[in-house]
Amino acid sequence: MGRMKIIVNPISGREFGLEMVKRLIVLFSQDDWEVLTCFTKTKGDGKKYAMCDDGEDLIIAIGGDGTVNEVVNGMYHGKREVPLAILPAGTVNDFGNHMNLPRNATDFYKMIQRGKTVPIDIGVCGEHAFINVCAGGLFTDIAYTVSDNSKSVMGRMAYYLEAVKEFHTKFSSKKSFSLRVKTGNTLIQTKALLFIIANSGSVGGIQNIAPEADVQDGLLDVLIFEEMQITEVIELLADIRFGKHPDNHKVMYFKAEELELFSEESMHVDLDGEEGEELPQIVKVEKSAIQLCVL
């Protein structure tokens, strides 16, 4: 059948990733696949394994959004053209949810057997690629402020508790930041709570936060949540719940191929739940950058 490289975070999803790789090796060995398994131990391992060409015909990423981000960066910087298959095994799994990717070994195995792939876009912020989202502002540092131990023990609840803590702290202090966005001939200057540059529609565990997002349209979906009072935040949360937030008067929503982002405050961007570089940055789309295995 060929050679595959499985890059797996063994502790993702309360060791769900480790259990999945065991099951997959049994299934794939029946089809005469040669399986190379690479376990990530420290930050950067996923990128390193994906960059290295070991003669594989397929790369499989098993883990959460952070593991997938590392693999995508390795493929992007290594100019790898082999297909990518993703088995979501983390706490949130935004991109996997958006693409409706299988989360059990049997369905994942059937997907690989079928051999269907589609070209998908990725985003690039500075020198770093992202498959799902680039964001800045309120809530964007939760993924890397929640400890691995809390993720393992409490799962998604750990994220919710950290979000409540951050909202209380930041909204009661300096909650907004200056934001200047240039795209084409358009210049936006505002005070913002949060900006989201999405490739898929699912961000932070919220489905359809970018309802028009399409990973094959060659565009990124941009949402800017402007400075607002607590009563307006409550109204916005209700709008998000019912999918009406693009019409909220405090929300800007548009599509772009490339943006330049500036802020007077010191601010790091978040890339798929991983801490990125500080603004200013140029964010752009790389069209059809990866061949993704799908159902």
Foldseek 3Di string as FASTA:
>chain_A
DWEEEEEEACPAQLRLRVVLVVVQVVVVVVVVYHYHYHYDDDPLSLLVVLLDCPRGQEYEYEHALSSVQSNVLNCLVSVPAHAYEYQYRHQQRFVCVLQVHDNHNVSSSVLVVVPDWDQFKWKDKASGIFRWKKKWAQLLQLLVVQDSVCCNPPRCVSSVVVNVVRCVVQVVDPQWFWKWKDADPDIDTAIFRMKMWTQGQGDPNQHRPPVVHDRQPLKIKIKTQGDDDPVLVVVLVVCSVVVNNCVRPRMPIDIGFKMFMATPDWIWMHGSNHTHHTDGIMMGMDHSSHIYRHD
